[in-house]
C-alpha atoms as a PDB file:
ATOM      1  CA  MET A   1     -10.657   3.745  -4.906  1.00  0.00           C
ATOM      2  CA  ALA A   2      -9.817   0.283  -3.674  1.00  0.00           C
ATOM      3  CA  LYS A   3      -9.174  -0.689  -0.045  1.00  0.00           C
ATOM      4  CA  TYR A   4      -7.807  -3.648   1.907  1.00  0.00           C
ATOM      5  CA  GLU A   5      -7.431  -3.986   5.679  1.00  0.00           C
ATOM      6  CA  THR A   6      -6.202  -6.848   7.808  1.00  0.00           C
ATOM      7  CA  ASN A   7      -4.695  -7.818  11.157  1.00  0.00           C
ATOM      8  CA  LEU A   8      -1.694 -10.090  11.537  1.00  0.00           C
ATOM      9  CA  HIS A   9       1.045 -11.130  13.925  1.00  0.00           C
ATOM     10  CA  ALA A  10       4.580 -10.182  12.924  1.00  0.00           C
ATOM     11  CA  LYS A  11       7.526  -8.025  13.871  1.00  0.00           C
ATOM     12  CA  PHE A  12       6.713  -4.451  12.848  1.00  0.00           C
ATOM     13  CA  ASP A  13      10.007  -3.470  11.175  1.00  0.00           C
ATOM     14  CA  HIS A  14      10.472  -6.822   9.471  1.00  0.00           C
ATOM     15  CA  PHE A  15       6.969  -6.803   8.011  1.00  0.00           C
ATOM     16  CA  LEU A  16       7.207  -3.152   6.931  1.00  0.00           C
ATOM     17  CA  ASN A  17      10.457  -3.850   5.101  1.00  0.00           C
ATOM     18  CA  HIS A  18       8.987  -6.960   3.449  1.00  0.00           C
ATOM     19  CA  LEU A  19       5.934  -5.041   2.255  1.00  0.00           C
ATOM     20  CA  HIS A  20       8.016  -2.116   0.972  1.00  0.00           C
ATOM     21  CA  GLN A  21      10.472  -4.310  -0.937  1.00  0.00           C
ATOM     22  CA  ASN A  22       7.710  -6.377  -2.534  1.00  0.00           C
ATOM     23  CA  ILE A  23       5.695  -3.354  -3.648  1.00  0.00           C
ATOM     24  CA  LEU A  24       8.740  -1.889  -5.381  1.00  0.00           C
ATOM     25  CA  LYS A  25       9.961  -5.219  -6.762  1.00  0.00           C
ATOM     26  CA  ASN A  26       6.627  -6.320  -8.206  1.00  0.00           C
ATOM     27  CA  SER A  27       5.683  -3.076  -9.904  1.00  0.00           C
ATOM     28  CA  VAL A  28       8.347  -1.774 -12.276  1.00  0.00           C
ATOM     29  CA  SER A  29       7.259   1.880 -12.177  1.00  0.00           C
ATOM     30  CA  ALA A  30       6.392   2.036  -8.449  1.00  0.00           C
ATOM     31  CA  THR A  31       8.136   4.667  -6.355  1.00  0.00           C
ATOM     32  CA  LEU A  32       7.969   5.630  -2.702  1.00  0.00           C
ATOM     33  CA  GLU A  33       6.704   9.215  -2.783  1.00  0.00           C
ATOM     34  CA  ASP A  34       6.854   9.975   0.942  1.00  0.00           C
ATOM     35  CA  GLN A  35       6.752   8.385   4.352  1.00  0.00           C
ATOM     36  CA  SER A  36       6.039   9.158   7.975  1.00  0.00           C
ATOM     37  CA  ASP A  37       6.915   7.233  11.143  1.00  0.00           C
ATOM     38  CA  TYR A  38       5.645   7.807  14.658  1.00  0.00           C
ATOM     39  CA  GLU A  39       5.747   5.999  17.989  1.00  0.00           C
ATOM     40  CA  LEU A  40       3.643   6.653  21.084  1.00  0.00           C
ATOM     41  CA  ASP A  41       3.435   4.477  24.199  1.00  0.00           C
ATOM     42  CA  ASN A  42       5.003   1.484  22.415  1.00  0.00           C
ATOM     43  CA  VAL A  43       2.599   1.794  19.479  1.00  0.00           C
ATOM     44  CA  GLN A  44       4.405   2.152  16.160  1.00  0.00           C
ATOM     45  CA  ILE A  45       2.799   3.837  13.159  1.00  0.00           C
ATOM     46  CA  ALA A  46       4.177   3.943   9.632  1.00  0.00           C
ATOM     47  CA  VAL A  47       2.564   5.650   6.664  1.00  0.00           C
ATOM     48  CA  ARG A  48       3.907   5.106   3.150  1.00  0.00           C
ATOM     49  CA  VAL A  49       2.646   6.654  -0.073  1.00  0.00           C
ATOM     50  CA  TYR A  50       3.561   4.905  -3.308  1.00  0.00           C
ATOM     51  CA  GLU A  51       2.815   5.864  -6.872  1.00  0.00           C
ATOM     52  CA  ARG A  52       3.048   3.996 -10.147  1.00  0.00           C
ATOM     53  CA  TYR A  53       2.136   4.320 -13.780  1.00  0.00           C
ATOM     54  CA  SER A  54      -0.810   2.220 -14.926  1.00  0.00           C
ATOM     55  CA  MET A  55      -0.134   1.225 -18.515  1.00  0.00           C
ATOM     56  CA  LEU A  56      -3.619  -0.170 -19.024  1.00  0.00           C
ATOM     57  CA  GLY A  57      -5.236   3.039 -17.773  1.00  0.00           C
ATOM     58  CA  ASN A  58      -2.558   5.320 -19.230  1.00  0.00           C
ATOM     59  CA  ASN A  59      -2.405   7.270 -15.951  1.00  0.00           C
ATOM     60  CA  ARG A  60      -0.805   7.340 -12.501  1.00  0.00           C
ATOM     61  CA  VAL A  61      -2.185   5.600  -9.415  1.00  0.00           C
ATOM     62  CA  SER A  62      -1.254   6.181  -5.770  1.00  0.00           C
ATOM     63  CA  MET A  63      -1.343   3.777  -2.835  1.00  0.00           C
ATOM     64  CA  ASN A  64      -1.366   4.745   0.835  1.00  0.00           C
ATOM     65  CA  VAL A  65      -0.118   2.094   3.279  1.00  0.00           C
ATOM     66  CA  THR A  66      -0.739   2.605   6.997  1.00  0.00           C
ATOM     67  CA  LEU A  67       0.795   0.109   9.415  1.00  0.00           C
ATOM     68  CA  ILE A  68       0.043   0.221  13.139  1.00  0.00           C
ATOM     69  CA  GLY A  69       1.722  -2.150  15.549  1.00  0.00           C
ATOM     70  CA  LYS A  70       2.018  -2.923  19.227  1.00  0.00           C
ATOM     71  CA  GLU A  71       4.351  -5.771  20.106  1.00  0.00           C
ATOM     72  CA  ASP A  72       3.620  -8.380  17.429  1.00  0.00           C
ATOM     73  CA  HIS A  73       0.011  -7.300  16.786  1.00  0.00           C
ATOM     74  CA  LEU A  74      -0.216  -5.422  13.487  1.00  0.00           C
ATOM     75  CA  TYR A  75      -3.011  -3.679  11.632  1.00  0.00           C
ATOM     76  CA  VAL A  76      -2.512  -2.673   8.010  1.00  0.00           C
ATOM     77  CA  SER A  77      -4.762  -0.461   5.897  1.00  0.00           C
ATOM     78  CA  ILE A  78      -4.052   0.024   2.195  1.00  0.00           C
ATOM     79  CA  ILE A  79      -6.002   2.444   0.013  1.00  0.00           C
ATOM     80  CA  THR A  80      -5.375   3.143  -3.663  1.00  0.00           C
ATOM     81  CA  SER A  81      -6.582   6.192  -5.534  1.00  0.00           C
ATOM     82  CA  GLY A  82      -6.362   7.882  -8.907  1.00  0.00           C
ATOM     83  CA  GLY A  83      -6.379   6.342 -12.302  1.00  0.00           C
ATOM     84  CA  SER A  84      -9.721   7.655 -13.479  1.00  0.00           C
ATOM     85  CA  GLN A  85      -9.837   9.873 -16.538  1.00  0.00           C
ATOM     86  CA  ALA A  86     -13.448  11.016 -16.195  1.00  0.00           C
ATOM     87  CA  VAL A  87     -14.431  14.455 -14.927  1.00  0.00           C
ATOM     88  CA  PHE A  88     -17.634  13.785 -12.975  1.00  0.00           C
ATOM     89  CA  PHE A  89     -17.497  10.077 -12.119  1.00  0.00           C
ATOM     90  CA  LYS A  90     -14.903   7.329 -11.866  1.00  0.00           C
ATOM     91  CA  VAL A  91     -14.215   5.076 -14.801  1.00  0.00           C
ATOM     92  CA  ASN A  92     -11.300   2.748 -15.419  1.00  0.00           C
ATOM     93  CA  THR A  93     -10.325   1.823 -11.858  1.00  0.00           C
ATOM     94  CA  ILE A  94      -8.391  -1.241 -13.046  1.00  0.00           C
ATOM     95  CA  GLY A  95      -5.049   0.382 -12.187  1.00  0.00           C
ATOM     96  CA  GLU A  96      -6.126   0.959  -8.587  1.00  0.00           C
ATOM     97  CA  HIS A  97      -7.181  -2.653  -8.114  1.00  0.00           C
ATOM     98  CA  ASP A  98      -4.009  -3.988  -9.763  1.00  0.00           C
ATOM     99  CA  PHE A  99      -1.778  -1.840  -7.542  1.00  0.00           C
ATOM    100  CA  LEU A 100      -3.709  -3.016  -4.477  1.00  0.00           C
ATOM    101  CA  LYS A 101      -3.227  -6.645  -5.567  1.00  0.00           C
ATOM    102  CA  THR A 102       0.542  -6.085  -5.477  1.00  0.00           C
ATOM    103  CA  ALA A 103       0.348  -5.195  -1.777  1.00  0.00           C
ATOM    104  CA  ILE A 104      -2.104  -8.001  -0.965  1.00  0.00           C
ATOM    105  CA  GLN A 105       0.199 -10.554  -2.597  1.00  0.00           C
ATOM    106  CA  ALA A 106       3.088  -9.216  -0.508  1.00  0.00           C
ATOM    107  CA  ILE A 107       1.043  -9.590   2.676  1.00  0.00           C
ATOM    108  CA  ASN A 108      -0.066 -13.107   1.743  1.00  0.00           C
ATOM    109  CA  SER A 109       3.482 -14.166   0.920  1.00  0.00           C
ATOM    110  CA  TYR A 110       4.586 -13.032   4.383  1.00  0.00           C
ATOM    111  CA  GLN A 111       2.101 -15.137   6.313  1.00  0.00           C
END
């Protein structure tokens, strides 16, 4: 598992669209598996689950993106999982870290 969290200032919908487009554009096999959106007392929450094939690991990796925003204050949490082929412990987590890097690059290119 790999994780990245950060705070930033941006418009919620604009940033969410930017992140989504960049994840799909920069990873050929990435797909949006499911999504959930919720709003409560002017706080917006978006959850996105992506999946992609990791050629190096010869397996599939998932990435959960949670975006929480109020006005232009955003918090994003990204967690990747999967990719290991071992039964009792994790080996070969390269695919998780590479998928996470795709999202981090998208965030950095936005700022």
